[in-house]
Amino acid sequence: MLLRGQPVKSHDATTRQAIDWVVLFGSGDATVADQQRFDAWVAMDPGHLSAWERVSRALNDTLAPLRPDSRHGETSVQALRQALIKAPSRRRFLRGSLAIAGIGVGGGLVLTANRWMDGWGASLATDTGERRRFALPDGSSVLLNARSRAVPHVTATSRALDLERGSALVDATSWHAPFLVRSAGTRVVSHGGQFMVQLEDARSLVAAIRQPLVATAPNGHAITLQPGSSVWLGEGGVDPADNDASALAAWQRGVLEVGNQSLGQVIDALRPYRSGLVRVDPLAARLRVMGLFPLDDTERALDMLAATLPIRVERYSRWLTLVEPRDESATA
């Protein structure tokens, strides 16, 4: 079977598995267990991710030029509908769809494809202490930090992500459409590369890690970020960030990398990894912090802070922790 410029060999077991994954995630039926199985499959062999990206891109390349005004449109819609009804597996349906697209039957196929892609309109979310990578149909991926939520919108002609809470690290593939991330009125546009967007109150933290990007604040102020740079964007415009991009995205490795930030900011970064309430005295919150702290062991992180700062950490239960100055000598 020939996708546009990309041969998919039916005897290639890895390609067949990749097609299964593309169809499953595109169907909207994928579960948390499915995502875990996919992560394990990708980790087994570098060729697995390459096959998945090849199938995803080939599908999008095939669908992109289709137009709804073709006189063959209704025929293709009926053919695909029959393929979906009769196929004993999603994989066979997808192969049938690609075969129809490959021989130039256009029209309503793009509508069917958009329904398939619209399965990605469901929210992606993580719980307390959880980081999870989500694969998108265009070959890109999104890694969400703990307590984060985002809604992807991927069609044959566009791709976007609405970040509703927390932090997202995007690995965007080069594609015929830019990758757009929206958060609290901020817009981030990348044509491929890795970048991070973090939503905090009414502001967005944007960090370019690999490849430049363009970020636009809610007031319309646009800025081009080069790799390694980061900024805050809000109603007031653009403000510099405290750390460089790689440090800000260190959470992907389970590490909180702090360079001259306030203790209040550090505790805010630990909260998504802890159950219960952490209250910080305003005086203690102003202390400056530098260092590396484990996100997956917040008890240890708090002990490290108490060992290096003039503070005491009082744990009254698993649900309440107080962070206070150790004595009156604590200053800003």
Protein backbone atom coordinates (compact mmCIF):
# COMPACT_ATOMS: atom_id res chain seq x y z
CA MET A 1 0.00 0.00 0.00
CA LEU A 2 1.41 3.39 -0.90
CA LEU A 3 0.75 6.51 1.10
CA ARG A 4 1.72 9.77 -0.51
CA GLY A 5 5.48 9.35 -0.87
CA GLN A 6 5.66 6.79 1.95
CA PRO A 7 5.49 3.01 1.37
CA VAL A 8 3.76 1.07 4.15
CA LYS A 9 4.67 -2.57 3.87
CA SER A 10 1.93 -4.90 4.96
CA HIS A 11 4.49 -7.51 6.00
CA ASP A 12 6.26 -5.07 8.35
CA ALA A 13 5.13 -6.07 11.85
CA THR A 14 6.32 -2.80 13.39
CA THR A 15 4.35 -0.76 10.86
CA ARG A 16 1.23 -2.84 11.50
CA GLN A 17 1.62 -2.21 15.22
CA ALA A 18 2.13 1.50 14.58
CA ILE A 19 -1.08 1.62 12.56
CA ASP A 20 -2.91 -0.03 15.44
CA TRP A 21 -1.68 2.67 17.79
CA VAL A 22 -2.52 5.53 15.40
CA VAL A 23 -6.06 4.25 15.00
CA LEU A 24 -6.55 3.59 18.71
CA PHE A 25 -5.44 7.06 19.78
CA GLY A 26 -7.37 8.67 16.95
CA SER A 27 -10.55 6.82 17.92
CA GLY A 28 -10.88 8.56 21.27
CA ASP A 29 -11.19 5.18 23.01
CA ALA A 30 -7.64 5.06 24.41
CA THR A 31 -7.42 4.49 28.16
CA VAL A 32 -4.71 5.23 30.71
CA ALA A 33 -3.64 1.58 30.44
CA ASP A 34 -3.40 1.98 26.65
CA GLN A 35 -1.14 5.01 27.08
CA GLN A 36 1.07 3.03 29.44
CA ARG A 37 1.27 0.13 26.98
CA PHE A 38 2.14 2.57 24.19
CA ASP A 39 4.92 4.12 26.30
CA ALA A 40 6.31 0.63 26.96
CA TRP A 41 6.10 -0.24 23.25
CA VAL A 42 7.98 2.93 22.29
CA ALA A 43 10.65 2.24 24.92
CA MET A 44 11.25 -1.28 23.56
CA ASP A 45 12.84 -0.17 20.30
CA PRO A 46 13.78 3.23 18.79
CA GLY A 47 12.26 2.02 15.54
CA HIS A 48 8.81 1.86 17.11
CA LEU A 49 8.51 5.62 17.56
CA SER A 50 9.91 6.18 14.07
CA ALA A 51 7.30 3.84 12.60
CA TRP A 52 4.50 5.54 14.52
CA GLU A 53 5.63 8.98 13.33
CA ARG A 54 5.98 7.71 9.74
CA VAL A 55 2.43 6.35 9.68
CA SER A 56 1.02 9.51 11.34
CA ARG A 57 2.75 11.84 8.91
CA ALA A 58 1.88 9.72 5.93
CA LEU A 59 -1.78 9.82 6.88
CA ASN A 60 -1.75 13.59 7.23
CA ASP A 61 0.18 14.04 3.97
CA THR A 62 -2.44 11.95 2.23
CA LEU A 63 -5.41 13.82 3.69
CA ALA A 64 -4.05 17.37 3.42
CA PRO A 65 -4.71 17.95 -0.31
CA LEU A 66 -8.24 16.54 -0.30
CA ARG A 67 -11.07 19.00 -1.00
CA PRO A 68 -14.79 18.67 -0.21
CA ASP A 69 -15.94 19.80 -3.67
CA SER A 70 -14.91 16.67 -5.55
CA ARG A 71 -17.70 14.90 -7.41
CA HIS A 72 -16.42 11.66 -5.87
CA GLY A 73 -16.97 12.92 -2.35
CA GLU A 74 -20.15 11.02 -1.52
CA THR A 75 -18.76 7.82 -2.99
CA SER A 76 -15.71 8.01 -0.74
CA VAL A 77 -17.84 8.74 2.33
CA GLN A 78 -20.02 5.70 1.62
CA ALA A 79 -16.99 3.51 0.97
CA LEU A 80 -15.34 4.51 4.21
CA ARG A 81 -18.56 4.06 6.14
CA GLN A 82 -18.93 0.55 4.78
CA ALA A 83 -15.28 -0.19 5.55
CA LEU A 84 -15.82 0.93 9.14
CA ILE A 85 -18.94 -1.18 9.57
CA LYS A 86 -17.54 -4.34 8.04
CA ALA A 87 -13.89 -4.25 9.10
CA PRO A 88 -13.07 -6.73 11.88
CA SER A 89 -10.43 -4.37 13.29
CA ARG A 90 -9.57 -0.69 13.33
CA ARG A 91 -6.33 -1.48 11.57
CA ARG A 92 -8.11 -2.91 8.55
CA PHE A 93 -10.37 0.14 8.44
CA LEU A 94 -7.43 2.50 8.47
CA ARG A 95 -5.65 0.53 5.76
CA GLY A 96 -8.79 0.67 3.67
CA SER A 97 -9.06 4.41 4.22
CA LEU A 98 -5.48 4.97 3.18
CA ALA A 99 -5.92 2.83 0.11
CA ILE A 100 -8.92 4.92 -1.00
CA ALA A 101 -6.99 8.14 -0.40
CA GLY A 102 -3.97 6.77 -2.25
CA ILE A 103 -5.86 6.24 -5.50
CA GLY A 104 -7.10 9.81 -5.51
CA VAL A 105 -10.68 9.53 -4.26
CA GLY A 106 -11.27 12.86 -2.53
CA GLY A 107 -14.28 14.77 -1.38
CA GLY A 108 -16.00 13.76 1.80
CA LEU A 109 -13.00 11.76 2.94
CA VAL A 110 -11.61 14.86 4.61
CA LEU A 111 -14.79 15.03 6.72
CA THR A 112 -14.31 11.47 7.85
CA ALA A 113 -10.66 12.18 8.57
CA ASN A 114 -11.58 15.22 10.60
CA ARG A 115 -13.98 13.16 12.70
CA TRP A 116 -11.13 10.74 13.28
CA MET A 117 -8.80 13.56 14.26
CA ASP A 118 -11.47 15.22 16.40
CA GLY A 119 -11.18 12.28 18.77
CA TRP A 120 -8.30 14.37 20.11
CA GLY A 121 -10.73 17.00 21.34
CA ALA A 122 -10.91 15.12 24.65
CA SER A 123 -8.90 16.49 27.55
CA LEU A 124 -5.45 15.16 28.38
CA ALA A 125 -4.85 15.30 32.12
CA THR A 126 -2.51 14.23 34.90
CA ASP A 127 -3.11 13.69 38.60
CA THR A 128 -1.12 14.66 41.69
CA GLY A 129 2.50 13.53 41.37
CA GLU A 130 2.00 12.26 37.82
CA ARG A 131 3.84 13.12 34.62
CA ARG A 132 2.60 11.62 31.39
CA ARG A 133 3.50 11.81 27.72
CA PHE A 134 0.70 11.86 25.14
CA ALA A 135 1.30 11.07 21.47
CA LEU A 136 -0.58 13.16 18.88
CA PRO A 137 -1.66 12.08 15.38
CA ASP A 138 0.75 14.48 13.62
CA GLY A 139 3.76 12.75 15.19
CA SER A 140 4.17 15.36 17.92
CA SER A 141 3.98 14.58 21.62
CA VAL A 142 2.94 16.45 24.76
CA LEU A 143 4.41 15.76 28.18
CA LEU A 144 2.17 17.09 30.96
CA ASN A 145 3.47 17.96 34.39
CA ALA A 146 1.57 16.93 37.53
CA ARG A 147 -1.97 18.33 37.90
CA SER A 148 -2.06 19.60 34.33
CA ARG A 149 -4.80 19.55 31.72
CA ALA A 150 -4.78 20.34 28.01
CA VAL A 151 -7.10 19.85 25.05
CA PRO A 152 -5.49 19.07 21.66
CA HIS A 153 -7.17 19.93 18.35
CA VAL A 154 -5.50 18.12 15.44
CA THR A 155 -7.04 17.90 11.99
CA ALA A 156 -5.67 17.21 8.54
CA THR A 157 -4.87 20.91 8.09
CA SER A 158 -4.14 22.35 11.55
CA ARG A 159 -2.90 21.47 15.02
CA ALA A 160 -3.39 23.31 18.29
CA LEU A 161 -3.33 22.70 22.02
CA ASP A 162 -5.33 24.57 24.66
CA LEU A 163 -3.48 24.48 27.99
CA GLU A 164 -6.08 24.81 30.72
CA ARG A 165 -3.94 24.08 33.79
CA GLY A 166 -0.34 23.30 34.75
CA SER A 167 2.59 22.80 32.40
CA ALA A 168 3.04 21.20 28.99
CA LEU A 169 6.30 20.29 27.27
CA VAL A 170 5.66 20.02 23.53
CA ASP A 171 7.85 18.14 21.06
CA ALA A 172 6.44 19.46 17.79
CA THR A 173 7.30 17.75 14.53
CA SER A 174 7.96 19.71 11.35
CA TRP A 175 4.65 19.72 9.48
CA HIS A 176 2.75 21.66 6.85
CA ALA A 177 0.98 23.62 9.62
CA PRO A 178 2.56 25.33 12.65
CA PHE A 179 1.90 24.04 16.15
CA LEU A 180 -0.19 26.51 18.19
CA VAL A 181 -0.53 26.50 21.99
CA ARG A 182 -3.11 28.77 23.62
CA SER A 183 -3.15 29.59 27.35
CA ALA A 184 -4.88 32.45 29.21
CA GLY A 185 -4.90 34.65 26.12
CA THR A 186 -1.29 33.87 25.19
CA ARG A 187 -0.50 32.29 21.82
CA VAL A 188 2.67 30.32 21.12
CA VAL A 189 3.52 29.30 17.54
CA SER A 190 6.25 26.82 16.65
CA HIS A 191 7.14 25.28 13.29
CA GLY A 192 8.84 22.35 14.95
CA GLY A 193 10.99 21.83 18.02
CA GLN A 194 10.66 21.49 21.77
CA PHE A 195 9.15 24.17 23.98
CA MET A 196 7.30 24.55 27.26
CA VAL A 197 4.22 26.49 28.28
CA GLN A 198 3.20 26.84 31.92
CA LEU A 199 -0.04 28.44 33.09
CA GLU A 200 0.09 30.21 36.44
CA ASP A 201 -2.80 32.39 37.56
CA ALA A 202 -3.46 34.73 34.62
CA ARG A 203 0.08 34.52 33.21
CA SER A 204 1.87 32.07 30.95
CA LEU A 205 5.52 31.08 31.18
CA VAL A 206 6.95 30.22 27.75
CA ALA A 207 10.35 28.60 27.24
CA ALA A 208 11.96 27.80 23.87
CA ILE A 209 14.18 24.74 24.23
CA ARG A 210 14.88 23.59 20.67
CA GLN A 211 14.13 25.84 17.69
CA PRO A 212 12.81 29.42 17.83
CA LEU A 213 9.16 30.25 18.41
CA VAL A 214 6.87 33.27 18.43
CA ALA A 215 4.87 34.08 21.57
CA THR A 216 2.12 36.69 21.69
CA ALA A 217 0.83 38.16 24.94
CA PRO A 218 -2.90 38.82 25.51
CA ASN A 219 -2.31 42.52 24.78
CA GLY A 220 -0.94 41.65 21.32
CA HIS A 221 2.74 42.16 22.14
CA ALA A 222 4.65 39.50 20.17
CA ILE A 223 8.20 38.31 20.82
CA THR A 224 10.47 35.81 19.08
CA LEU A 225 12.22 33.48 21.52
CA GLN A 226 15.49 31.83 20.60
CA PRO A 227 16.38 28.41 22.04
CA GLY A 228 17.31 28.70 25.71
CA SER A 229 15.25 31.83 26.37
CA SER A 230 12.06 32.17 28.39
CA VAL A 231 9.53 34.86 29.31
CA TRP A 232 6.35 35.45 31.23
CA LEU A 233 3.39 36.77 29.23
CA GLY A 234 0.26 38.34 30.67
CA GLU A 235 -2.14 41.23 30.31
CA GLY A 236 0.72 43.60 31.05
CA GLY A 237 2.86 42.28 28.23
CA VAL A 238 6.22 40.47 28.43
CA ASP A 239 8.45 40.02 31.49
CA PRO A 240 11.74 38.10 31.73
CA ALA A 241 11.74 34.72 33.49
CA ASP A 242 14.07 33.86 36.38
CA ASN A 243 15.65 30.73 34.88
CA ASP A 244 16.76 29.62 31.44
CA ALA A 245 14.57 27.30 29.41
CA SER A 246 16.32 24.03 30.20
CA ALA A 247 16.14 24.70 33.95
CA LEU A 248 12.45 25.57 33.77
CA ALA A 249 11.73 22.30 31.96
CA ALA A 250 13.81 20.13 34.32
CA TRP A 251 10.56 18.78 35.80
CA GLN A 252 10.43 16.39 32.85
CA ARG A 253 13.29 14.52 34.59
CA GLY A 254 11.61 14.68 37.99
CA VAL A 255 13.90 17.51 39.13
CA LEU A 256 13.07 21.02 40.31
CA GLU A 257 16.00 23.20 39.26
CA VAL A 258 15.99 26.48 41.16
CA GLY A 259 18.19 29.48 40.43
CA ASN A 260 17.63 32.40 42.82
CA GLN A 261 13.88 32.01 43.17
CA SER A 262 11.73 32.72 46.21
CA LEU A 263 10.80 29.93 48.60
CA GLY A 264 7.17 30.70 47.81
CA GLN A 265 7.81 29.89 44.14
CA VAL A 266 9.61 26.68 45.09
CA ILE A 267 6.71 25.53 47.28
CA ASP A 268 4.30 26.36 44.46
CA ALA A 269 6.29 24.03 42.19
CA LEU A 270 6.17 21.23 44.79
CA ARG A 271 2.42 21.49 45.45
CA PRO A 272 1.30 19.49 42.37
CA TYR A 273 3.40 16.60 43.70
CA ARG A 274 1.89 16.58 47.21
CA SER A 275 -1.48 15.67 48.64
CA GLY A 276 -2.78 18.02 51.29
CA LEU A 277 -2.24 21.68 52.11
CA VAL A 278 1.13 23.45 52.40
CA ARG A 279 1.02 26.87 54.03
CA VAL A 280 4.06 29.15 53.88
CA ASP A 281 4.56 32.07 56.22
CA PRO A 282 4.85 35.28 54.13
CA LEU A 283 8.23 36.11 55.68
CA ALA A 284 9.62 32.66 54.87
CA ALA A 285 8.13 32.79 51.38
CA ARG A 286 10.43 35.72 50.53
CA LEU A 287 13.67 33.81 51.20
CA ARG A 288 15.79 33.15 48.11
CA VAL A 289 16.58 29.58 47.06
CA MET A 290 19.09 27.91 44.77
CA GLY A 291 19.58 24.20 44.17
CA LEU A 292 18.16 20.94 42.81
CA PHE A 293 15.22 19.25 44.52
CA PRO A 294 13.45 15.93 43.85
CA LEU A 295 9.87 16.35 42.68
CA ASP A 296 8.97 12.71 43.23
CA ASP A 297 10.00 12.87 46.91
CA THR A 298 8.61 16.13 48.27
CA GLU A 299 9.25 15.12 51.89
CA ARG A 300 12.95 14.95 51.09
CA ALA A 301 12.74 18.23 49.17
CA LEU A 302 11.20 19.96 52.21
CA ASP A 303 13.89 18.49 54.48
CA MET A 304 16.58 19.78 52.11
CA LEU A 305 15.04 23.25 52.24
CA ALA A 306 14.87 23.16 56.05
CA ALA A 307 18.53 22.11 56.20
CA THR A 308 19.74 25.03 54.08
CA LEU A 309 17.34 27.84 55.01
CA PRO A 310 16.35 29.44 58.35
CA ILE A 311 12.96 27.74 58.31
CA ARG A 312 11.17 24.93 60.09
CA VAL A 313 8.77 22.51 58.46
CA GLU A 314 5.95 21.34 60.73
CA ARG A 315 3.92 18.34 59.54
CA TYR A 316 0.65 18.04 61.43
CA SER A 317 -0.72 15.25 59.26
CA ARG A 318 -0.40 14.14 55.66
CA TRP A 319 -2.94 16.83 54.89
CA LEU A 320 -1.33 19.87 56.53
CA THR A 321 2.26 21.16 56.41
CA LEU A 322 3.39 24.55 57.72
CA VAL A 323 6.60 26.27 56.62
CA GLU A 324 7.67 29.05 58.99
CA PRO A 325 10.78 31.10 59.82
CA ARG A 326 12.99 29.39 62.37
CA ASP A 327 13.58 32.63 64.21
CA GLU A 328 13.27 36.38 63.82
CA SER A 329 16.56 36.57 61.89
CA ALA A 330 14.90 35.40 58.66
CA THR A 331 15.01 38.26 56.18
CA ALA A 332 14.19 38.84 52.55
